[in-house]
Amino acid sequence: MSAQTDEALEKELASFLEQETAKSQVQSSIHTLTDMCWKKCVTGSIGARFARSEEGCLVNCVDRFLDSSLFIIQKVEEARKQAGGQ
């Protein structure tokens, strides 16, 4: 194999690993979100539908989780850009 081929394979592998890591992080976040919101909001017995209060709580819980996750991501990106610019 040539050095170019090795470099291309290395880049492809790095890209693949980055994508798989991102998928894993998303799955982990979804699991955390599901567990946290379920424990917080679902208080009654499980039926065909959620109670109105449970449904509203779940919607709010998911919205707040996503808002806070996006806020954290933005702050991390800002810090990363500042660190890279110095």
PDB file of N, CA and C in Angstrom:
ATOM      1  N   MET A   1       0.830  -1.180   0.000  1.00  0.00           N
ATOM      2  CA  MET A   1       0.000   0.000   0.000  1.00  0.00           C
ATOM      3  C   MET A   1       0.875   1.244   0.000  1.00  0.00           C
ATOM      4  N   SER A   2       0.351   2.257  -0.648  1.00  0.00           N
ATOM      5  CA  SER A   2       1.100   3.508  -0.682  1.00  0.00           C
ATOM      6  C   SER A   2       0.759   4.350   0.547  1.00  0.00           C
ATOM      7  N   ALA A   3       1.564   5.376   0.773  1.00  0.00           N
ATOM      8  CA  ALA A   3       1.341   6.281   1.895  1.00  0.00           C
ATOM      9  C   ALA A   3       0.009   7.011   1.742  1.00  0.00           C
ATOM     10  N   GLN A   4      -0.364   7.327   0.483  1.00  0.00           N
ATOM     11  CA  GLN A   4      -1.643   8.000   0.230  1.00  0.00           C
ATOM     12  C   GLN A   4      -2.811   7.094   0.607  1.00  0.00           C
ATOM     13  N   THR A   5      -2.711   5.828   0.266  1.00  0.00           N
ATOM     14  CA  THR A   5      -3.768   4.869   0.584  1.00  0.00           C
ATOM     15  C   THR A   5      -3.897   4.714   2.087  1.00  0.00           C
ATOM     16  N   ASP A   6      -2.779   4.598   2.774  1.00  0.00           N
ATOM     17  CA  ASP A   6      -2.800   4.486   4.236  1.00  0.00           C
ATOM     18  C   ASP A   6      -3.443   5.726   4.859  1.00  0.00           C
ATOM     19  N   GLU A   7      -3.086   6.888   4.351  1.00  0.00           N
ATOM     20  CA  GLU A   7      -3.633   8.136   4.884  1.00  0.00           C
ATOM     21  C   GLU A   7      -5.139   8.217   4.633  1.00  0.00           C
ATOM     22  N   ALA A   8      -5.566   7.818   3.433  1.00  0.00           N
ATOM     23  CA  ALA A   8      -6.994   7.845   3.102  1.00  0.00           C
ATOM     24  C   ALA A   8      -7.769   6.884   3.987  1.00  0.00           C
ATOM     25  N   LEU A   9      -7.229   5.687   4.204  1.00  0.00           N
ATOM     26  CA  LEU A   9      -7.884   4.717   5.068  1.00  0.00           C
ATOM     27  C   LEU A   9      -7.950   5.215   6.513  1.00  0.00           C
ATOM     28  N   GLU A  10      -6.887   5.853   6.940  1.00  0.00           N
ATOM     29  CA  GLU A  10      -6.847   6.401   8.295  1.00  0.00           C
ATOM     30  C   GLU A  10      -7.905   7.484   8.476  1.00  0.00           C
ATOM     31  N   LYS A  11      -8.043   8.365   7.483  1.00  0.00           N
ATOM     32  CA  LYS A  11      -9.060   9.415   7.546  1.00  0.00           C
ATOM     33  C   LYS A  11     -10.464   8.809   7.538  1.00  0.00           C
ATOM     34  N   GLU A  12     -10.668   7.804   6.701  1.00  0.00           N
ATOM     35  CA  GLU A  12     -11.971   7.148   6.615  1.00  0.00           C
ATOM     36  C   GLU A  12     -12.317   6.469   7.944  1.00  0.00           C
ATOM     37  N   LEU A  13     -11.344   5.817   8.543  1.00  0.00           N
ATOM     38  CA  LEU A  13     -11.557   5.154   9.828  1.00  0.00           C
ATOM     39  C   LEU A  13     -11.860   6.181  10.921  1.00  0.00           C
ATOM     40  N   ALA A  14     -11.118   7.284  10.916  1.00  0.00           N
ATOM     41  CA  ALA A  14     -11.353   8.335  11.907  1.00  0.00           C
ATOM     42  C   ALA A  14     -12.752   8.914  11.751  1.00  0.00           C
ATOM     43  N   SER A  15     -13.182   9.122  10.520  1.00  0.00           N
ATOM     44  CA  SER A  15     -14.523   9.644  10.251  1.00  0.00           C
ATOM     45  C   SER A  15     -15.590   8.651  10.716  1.00  0.00           C
ATOM     46  N   PHE A  16     -15.375   7.379  10.435  1.00  0.00           N
ATOM     47  CA  PHE A  16     -16.312   6.344  10.853  1.00  0.00           C
ATOM     48  C   PHE A  16     -16.421   6.296  12.373  1.00  0.00           C
ATOM     49  N   LEU A  17     -15.282   6.339  13.054  1.00  0.00           N
ATOM     50  CA  LEU A  17     -15.286   6.303  14.513  1.00  0.00           C
ATOM     51  C   LEU A  17     -15.975   7.535  15.101  1.00  0.00           C
ATOM     52  N   GLU A  18     -15.764   8.675  14.486  1.00  0.00           N
ATOM     53  CA  GLU A  18     -16.413   9.901  14.946  1.00  0.00           C
ATOM     54  C   GLU A  18     -17.931   9.790  14.804  1.00  0.00           C
ATOM     55  N   GLN A  19     -18.383   9.256  13.681  1.00  0.00           N
ATOM     56  CA  GLN A  19     -19.823   9.081  13.457  1.00  0.00           C
ATOM     57  C   GLN A  19     -20.421   8.089  14.451  1.00  0.00           C
ATOM     58  N   GLU A  20     -19.725   6.996  14.687  1.00  0.00           N
ATOM     59  CA  GLU A  20     -20.229   5.994  15.627  1.00  0.00           C
ATOM     60  C   GLU A  20     -20.257   6.538  17.059  1.00  0.00           C
ATOM     61  N   THR A  21     -19.259   7.336  17.410  1.00  0.00           N
ATOM     62  CA  THR A  21     -19.236   7.967  18.733  1.00  0.00           C
ATOM     63  C   THR A  21     -20.414   8.922  18.879  1.00  0.00           C
ATOM     64  N   ALA A  22     -20.684   9.691  17.836  1.00  0.00           N
ATOM     65  CA  ALA A  22     -21.814  10.627  17.866  1.00  0.00           C
ATOM     66  C   ALA A  22     -23.129   9.868  18.002  1.00  0.00           C
ATOM     67  N   LYS A  23     -23.278   8.765  17.284  1.00  0.00           N
ATOM     68  CA  LYS A  23     -24.492   7.944  17.398  1.00  0.00           C
ATOM     69  C   LYS A  23     -24.653   7.409  18.809  1.00  0.00           C
ATOM     70  N   SER A  24     -23.567   6.952  19.373  1.00  0.00           N
ATOM     71  CA  SER A  24     -23.590   6.415  20.728  1.00  0.00           C
ATOM     72  C   SER A  24     -23.990   7.491  21.733  1.00  0.00           C
ATOM     73  N   GLN A  25     -23.475   8.695  21.556  1.00  0.00           N
ATOM     74  CA  GLN A  25     -23.811   9.798  22.456  1.00  0.00           C
ATOM     75  C   GLN A  25     -25.288  10.161  22.340  1.00  0.00           C
ATOM     76  N   VAL A  26     -25.829  10.157  21.134  1.00  0.00           N
ATOM     77  CA  VAL A  26     -27.247  10.448  20.932  1.00  0.00           C
ATOM     78  C   VAL A  26     -28.095   9.373  21.612  1.00  0.00           C
ATOM     79  N   GLN A  27     -27.731   8.108  21.419  1.00  0.00           N
ATOM     80  CA  GLN A  27     -28.479   7.018  22.048  1.00  0.00           C
ATOM     81  C   GLN A  27     -28.418   7.116  23.568  1.00  0.00           C
ATOM     82  N   SER A  28     -27.276   7.459  24.096  1.00  0.00           N
ATOM     83  CA  SER A  28     -27.124   7.625  25.533  1.00  0.00           C
ATOM     84  C   SER A  28     -27.987   8.771  26.047  1.00  0.00           C
ATOM     85  N   SER A  29     -28.009   9.869  25.319  1.00  0.00           N
ATOM     86  CA  SER A  29     -28.840  11.013  25.706  1.00  0.00           C
ATOM     87  C   SER A  29     -30.319  10.653  25.681  1.00  0.00           C
ATOM     88  N   ILE A  30     -30.723   9.923  24.670  1.00  0.00           N
ATOM     89  CA  ILE A  30     -32.124   9.501  24.573  1.00  0.00           C
ATOM     90  C   ILE A  30     -32.476   8.591  25.738  1.00  0.00           C
ATOM     91  N   HIS A  31     -31.587   7.682  26.075  1.00  0.00           N
ATOM     92  CA  HIS A  31     -31.832   6.783  27.202  1.00  0.00           C
ATOM     93  C   HIS A  31     -31.954   7.578  28.508  1.00  0.00           C
ATOM     94  N   THR A  32     -31.054   8.514  28.718  1.00  0.00           N
ATOM     95  CA  THR A  32     -31.075   9.352  29.916  1.00  0.00           C
ATOM     96  C   THR A  32     -32.366  10.159  29.970  1.00  0.00           C
ATOM     97  N   LEU A  33     -32.722  10.774  28.847  1.00  0.00           N
ATOM     98  CA  LEU A  33     -33.943  11.567  28.758  1.00  0.00           C
ATOM     99  C   LEU A  33     -35.168  10.726  29.072  1.00  0.00           C
ATOM    100  N   THR A  34     -35.257   9.577  28.458  1.00  0.00           N
ATOM    101  CA  THR A  34     -36.404   8.689  28.668  1.00  0.00           C
ATOM    102  C   THR A  34     -36.511   8.285  30.131  1.00  0.00           C
ATOM    103  N   ASP A  35     -35.411   7.872  30.703  1.00  0.00           N
ATOM    104  CA  ASP A  35     -35.417   7.426  32.089  1.00  0.00           C
ATOM    105  C   ASP A  35     -35.789   8.569  33.042  1.00  0.00           C
ATOM    106  N   MET A  36     -35.158   9.708  32.857  1.00  0.00           N
ATOM    107  CA  MET A  36     -35.392  10.849  33.738  1.00  0.00           C
ATOM    108  C   MET A  36     -36.846  11.324  33.649  1.00  0.00           C
ATOM    109  N   CYS A  37     -37.339  11.534  32.444  1.00  0.00           N
ATOM    110  CA  CYS A  37     -38.692  12.054  32.272  1.00  0.00           C
ATOM    111  C   CYS A  37     -39.745  11.023  32.693  1.00  0.00           C
ATOM    112  N   TRP A  38     -39.486   9.757  32.440  1.00  0.00           N
ATOM    113  CA  TRP A  38     -40.435   8.712  32.849  1.00  0.00           C
ATOM    114  C   TRP A  38     -40.583   8.704  34.369  1.00  0.00           C
ATOM    115  N   LYS A  39     -39.437   8.715  35.063  1.00  0.00           N
ATOM    116  CA  LYS A  39     -39.476   8.686  36.533  1.00  0.00           C
ATOM    117  C   LYS A  39     -40.154   9.925  37.097  1.00  0.00           C
ATOM    118  N   LYS A  40     -39.939  11.060  36.459  1.00  0.00           N
ATOM    119  CA  LYS A  40     -40.487  12.321  36.951  1.00  0.00           C
ATOM    120  C   LYS A  40     -41.979  12.448  36.667  1.00  0.00           C
ATOM    121  N   CYS A  41     -42.428  11.983  35.523  1.00  0.00           N
ATOM    122  CA  CYS A  41     -43.765  12.318  35.045  1.00  0.00           C
ATOM    123  C   CYS A  41     -44.808  11.203  35.134  1.00  0.00           C
ATOM    124  N   VAL A  42     -44.411   9.979  34.967  1.00  0.00           N
ATOM    125  CA  VAL A  42     -45.392   8.898  34.918  1.00  0.00           C
ATOM    126  C   VAL A  42     -45.594   8.379  36.335  1.00  0.00           C
ATOM    127  N   THR A  43     -46.721   8.752  36.899  1.00  0.00           N
ATOM    128  CA  THR A  43     -46.980   8.431  38.300  1.00  0.00           C
ATOM    129  C   THR A  43     -48.084   7.400  38.468  1.00  0.00           C
ATOM    130  N   GLY A  44     -48.927   7.237  37.481  1.00  0.00           N
ATOM    131  CA  GLY A  44     -50.040   6.307  37.575  1.00  0.00           C
ATOM    132  C   GLY A  44     -49.715   4.978  36.937  1.00  0.00           C
ATOM    133  N   SER A  45     -50.723   4.154  36.854  1.00  0.00           N
ATOM    134  CA  SER A  45     -50.545   2.862  36.200  1.00  0.00           C
ATOM    135  C   SER A  45     -50.512   3.066  34.691  1.00  0.00           C
ATOM    136  N   ILE A  46     -49.872   2.152  34.020  1.00  0.00           N
ATOM    137  CA  ILE A  46     -49.713   2.260  32.570  1.00  0.00           C
ATOM    138  C   ILE A  46     -50.983   1.741  31.908  1.00  0.00           C
ATOM    139  N   GLY A  47     -51.572   2.582  31.078  1.00  0.00           N
ATOM    140  CA  GLY A  47     -52.778   2.218  30.349  1.00  0.00           C
ATOM    141  C   GLY A  47     -52.582   2.455  28.871  1.00  0.00           C
ATOM    142  N   ALA A  48     -53.692   2.587  28.173  1.00  0.00           N
ATOM    143  CA  ALA A  48     -53.636   2.813  26.729  1.00  0.00           C
ATOM    144  C   ALA A  48     -53.138   4.222  26.409  1.00  0.00           C
ATOM    145  N   ARG A  49     -53.354   5.149  27.358  1.00  0.00           N
ATOM    146  CA  ARG A  49     -52.945   6.532  27.147  1.00  0.00           C
ATOM    147  C   ARG A  49     -52.355   7.088  28.446  1.00  0.00           C
ATOM    148  N   PHE A  50     -51.552   8.141  28.299  1.00  0.00           N
ATOM    149  CA  PHE A  50     -51.066   8.848  29.470  1.00  0.00           C
ATOM    150  C   PHE A  50     -52.182   9.741  30.003  1.00  0.00           C
ATOM    151  N   ALA A  51     -52.151   9.994  31.301  1.00  0.00           N
ATOM    152  CA  ALA A  51     -53.054  10.989  31.870  1.00  0.00           C
ATOM    153  C   ALA A  51     -52.647  12.351  31.310  1.00  0.00           C
ATOM    154  N   ARG A  52     -53.580  13.285  31.287  1.00  0.00           N
ATOM    155  CA  ARG A  52     -53.299  14.610  30.725  1.00  0.00           C
ATOM    156  C   ARG A  52     -52.116  15.271  31.431  1.00  0.00           C
ATOM    157  N   SER A  53     -52.062  15.160  32.764  1.00  0.00           N
ATOM    158  CA  SER A  53     -50.958  15.769  33.513  1.00  0.00           C
ATOM    159  C   SER A  53     -49.625  15.094  33.185  1.00  0.00           C
ATOM    160  N   GLU A  54     -49.657  13.776  32.994  1.00  0.00           N
ATOM    161  CA  GLU A  54     -48.426  13.050  32.635  1.00  0.00           C
ATOM    162  C   GLU A  54     -47.945  13.467  31.251  1.00  0.00           C
ATOM    163  N   GLU A  55     -48.873  13.593  30.330  1.00  0.00           N
ATOM    164  CA  GLU A  55     -48.519  13.975  28.966  1.00  0.00           C
ATOM    165  C   GLU A  55     -47.887  15.367  28.947  1.00  0.00           C
ATOM    166  N   GLY A  56     -48.495  16.316  29.652  1.00  0.00           N
ATOM    167  CA  GLY A  56     -47.941  17.669  29.720  1.00  0.00           C
ATOM    168  C   GLY A  56     -46.572  17.679  30.373  1.00  0.00           C
ATOM    169  N   CYS A  57     -46.421  16.904  31.450  1.00  0.00           N
ATOM    170  CA  CYS A  57     -45.138  16.821  32.135  1.00  0.00           C
ATOM    171  C   CYS A  57     -44.062  16.251  31.208  1.00  0.00           C
ATOM    172  N   LEU A  58     -44.399  15.211  30.463  1.00  0.00           N
ATOM    173  CA  LEU A  58     -43.435  14.599  29.538  1.00  0.00           C
ATOM    174  C   LEU A  58     -42.997  15.590  28.460  1.00  0.00           C
ATOM    175  N   VAL A  59     -43.953  16.332  27.912  1.00  0.00           N
ATOM    176  CA  VAL A  59     -43.625  17.319  26.885  1.00  0.00           C
ATOM    177  C   VAL A  59     -42.689  18.379  27.461  1.00  0.00           C
ATOM    178  N   ASN A  60     -43.035  18.907  28.638  1.00  0.00           N
ATOM    179  CA  ASN A  60     -42.183  19.914  29.270  1.00  0.00           C
ATOM    180  C   ASN A  60     -40.801  19.365  29.608  1.00  0.00           C
ATOM    181  N   CYS A  61     -40.760  18.152  30.108  1.00  0.00           N
ATOM    182  CA  CYS A  61     -39.488  17.535  30.483  1.00  0.00           C
ATOM    183  C   CYS A  61     -38.579  17.395  29.261  1.00  0.00           C
ATOM    184  N   VAL A  62     -39.129  16.901  28.176  1.00  0.00           N
ATOM    185  CA  VAL A  62     -38.346  16.733  26.944  1.00  0.00           C
ATOM    186  C   VAL A  62     -37.879  18.092  26.424  1.00  0.00           C
ATOM    187  N   ASP A  63     -38.784  19.065  26.415  1.00  0.00           N
ATOM    188  CA  ASP A  63     -38.408  20.401  25.940  1.00  0.00           C
ATOM    189  C   ASP A  63     -37.276  20.992  26.772  1.00  0.00           C
ATOM    190  N   ARG A  64     -37.372  20.903  28.080  1.00  0.00           N
ATOM    191  CA  ARG A  64     -36.332  21.467  28.956  1.00  0.00           C
ATOM    192  C   ARG A  64     -35.016  20.718  28.782  1.00  0.00           C
ATOM    193  N   PHE A  65     -35.079  19.403  28.634  1.00  0.00           N
ATOM    194  CA  PHE A  65     -33.867  18.606  28.434  1.00  0.00           C
ATOM    195  C   PHE A  65     -33.174  19.028  27.143  1.00  0.00           C
ATOM    196  N   LEU A  66     -33.950  19.175  26.071  1.00  0.00           N
ATOM    197  CA  LEU A  66     -33.367  19.571  24.789  1.00  0.00           C
ATOM    198  C   LEU A  66     -32.823  20.997  24.847  1.00  0.00           C
ATOM    199  N   ASP A  67     -33.568  21.906  25.489  1.00  0.00           N
ATOM    200  CA  ASP A  67     -33.083  23.284  25.634  1.00  0.00           C
ATOM    201  C   ASP A  67     -31.751  23.324  26.371  1.00  0.00           C
ATOM    202  N   SER A  68     -31.671  22.601  27.480  1.00  0.00           N
ATOM    203  CA  SER A  68     -30.429  22.624  28.262  1.00  0.00           C
ATOM    204  C   SER A  68     -29.291  21.953  27.503  1.00  0.00           C
ATOM    205  N   SER A  69     -29.579  20.890  26.766  1.00  0.00           N
ATOM    206  CA  SER A  69     -28.538  20.216  25.976  1.00  0.00           C
ATOM    207  C   SER A  69     -27.997  21.148  24.905  1.00  0.00           C
ATOM    208  N   LEU A  70     -28.878  21.850  24.209  1.00  0.00           N
ATOM    209  CA  LEU A  70     -28.435  22.789  23.171  1.00  0.00           C
ATOM    210  C   LEU A  70     -27.637  23.932  23.768  1.00  0.00           C
ATOM    211  N   PHE A  71     -28.051  24.427  24.933  1.00  0.00           N
ATOM    212  CA  PHE A  71     -27.327  25.495  25.604  1.00  0.00           C
ATOM    213  C   PHE A  71     -25.911  25.040  25.946  1.00  0.00           C
ATOM    214  N   ILE A  72     -25.792  23.842  26.486  1.00  0.00           N
ATOM    215  CA  ILE A  72     -24.471  23.307  26.854  1.00  0.00           C
ATOM    216  C   ILE A  72     -23.598  23.136  25.615  1.00  0.00           C
ATOM    217  N   ILE A  73     -24.169  22.616  24.545  1.00  0.00           N
ATOM    218  CA  ILE A  73     -23.415  22.421  23.302  1.00  0.00           C
ATOM    219  C   ILE A  73     -22.903  23.773  22.779  1.00  0.00           C
ATOM    220  N   GLN A  74     -23.764  24.786  22.812  1.00  0.00           N
ATOM    221  CA  GLN A  74     -23.347  26.111  22.346  1.00  0.00           C
ATOM    222  C   GLN A  74     -22.207  26.658  23.193  1.00  0.00           C
ATOM    223  N   LYS A  75     -22.287  26.501  24.511  1.00  0.00           N
ATOM    224  CA  LYS A  75     -21.232  27.006  25.394  1.00  0.00           C
ATOM    225  C   LYS A  75     -19.921  26.252  25.172  1.00  0.00           C
ATOM    226  N   VAL A  76     -20.003  24.961  24.958  1.00  0.00           N
ATOM    227  CA  VAL A  76     -18.797  24.169  24.695  1.00  0.00           C
ATOM    228  C   VAL A  76     -18.172  24.600  23.365  1.00  0.00           C
ATOM    229  N   GLU A  77     -18.995  24.820  22.359  1.00  0.00           N
ATOM    230  CA  GLU A  77     -18.485  25.269  21.061  1.00  0.00           C
ATOM    231  C   GLU A  77     -17.832  26.648  21.175  1.00  0.00           C
ATOM    232  N   GLU A  78     -18.461  27.550  21.927  1.00  0.00           N
ATOM    233  CA  GLU A  78     -17.873  28.875  22.133  1.00  0.00           C
ATOM    234  C   GLU A  78     -16.516  28.769  22.825  1.00  0.00           C
ATOM    235  N   ALA A  79     -16.445  27.938  23.847  1.00  0.00           N
ATOM    236  CA  ALA A  79     -15.185  27.753  24.572  1.00  0.00           C
ATOM    237  C   ALA A  79     -14.130  27.132  23.661  1.00  0.00           C
ATOM    238  N   ARG A  80     -14.536  26.201  22.828  1.00  0.00           N
ATOM    239  CA  ARG A  80     -13.614  25.544  21.901  1.00  0.00           C
ATOM    240  C   ARG A  80     -13.077  26.546  20.885  1.00  0.00           C
ATOM    241  N   LYS A  81     -13.959  27.412  20.386  1.00  0.00           N
ATOM    242  CA  LYS A  81     -13.523  28.427  19.411  1.00  0.00           C
ATOM    243  C   LYS A  81     -12.559  29.421  20.074  1.00  0.00           C
ATOM    244  N   GLN A  82     -12.865  29.829  21.316  1.00  0.00           N
ATOM    245  CA  GLN A  82     -11.975  30.763  22.020  1.00  0.00           C
ATOM    246  C   GLN A  82     -10.629  30.126  22.288  1.00  0.00           C
ATOM    247  N   ALA A  83     -10.613  28.873  22.672  1.00  0.00           N
ATOM    248  CA  ALA A  83      -9.353  28.173  22.956  1.00  0.00           C
ATOM    249  C   ALA A  83      -8.551  27.990  21.670  1.00  0.00           C
ATOM    250  N   GLY A  84      -9.240  27.750  20.567  1.00  0.00           N
ATOM    251  CA  GLY A  84      -8.551  27.570  19.290  1.00  0.00           C
ATOM    252  C   GLY A  84      -8.051  28.881  18.722  1.00  0.00           C
ATOM    253  N   GLY A  85      -8.682  29.992  19.082  1.00  0.00           N
ATOM    254  CA  GLY A  85      -8.301  31.297  18.561  1.00  0.00           C
ATOM    255  C   GLY A  85      -7.146  31.922  19.311  1.00  0.00           C
ATOM    256  N   GLN A  86      -6.806  31.398  20.464  1.00  0.00           N
ATOM    257  CA  GLN A  86      -5.731  31.989  21.270  1.00  0.00           C
ATOM    258  C   GLN A  86      -4.396  31.427  20.928  1.00  0.00           C
TER     259      GLN A  86
END
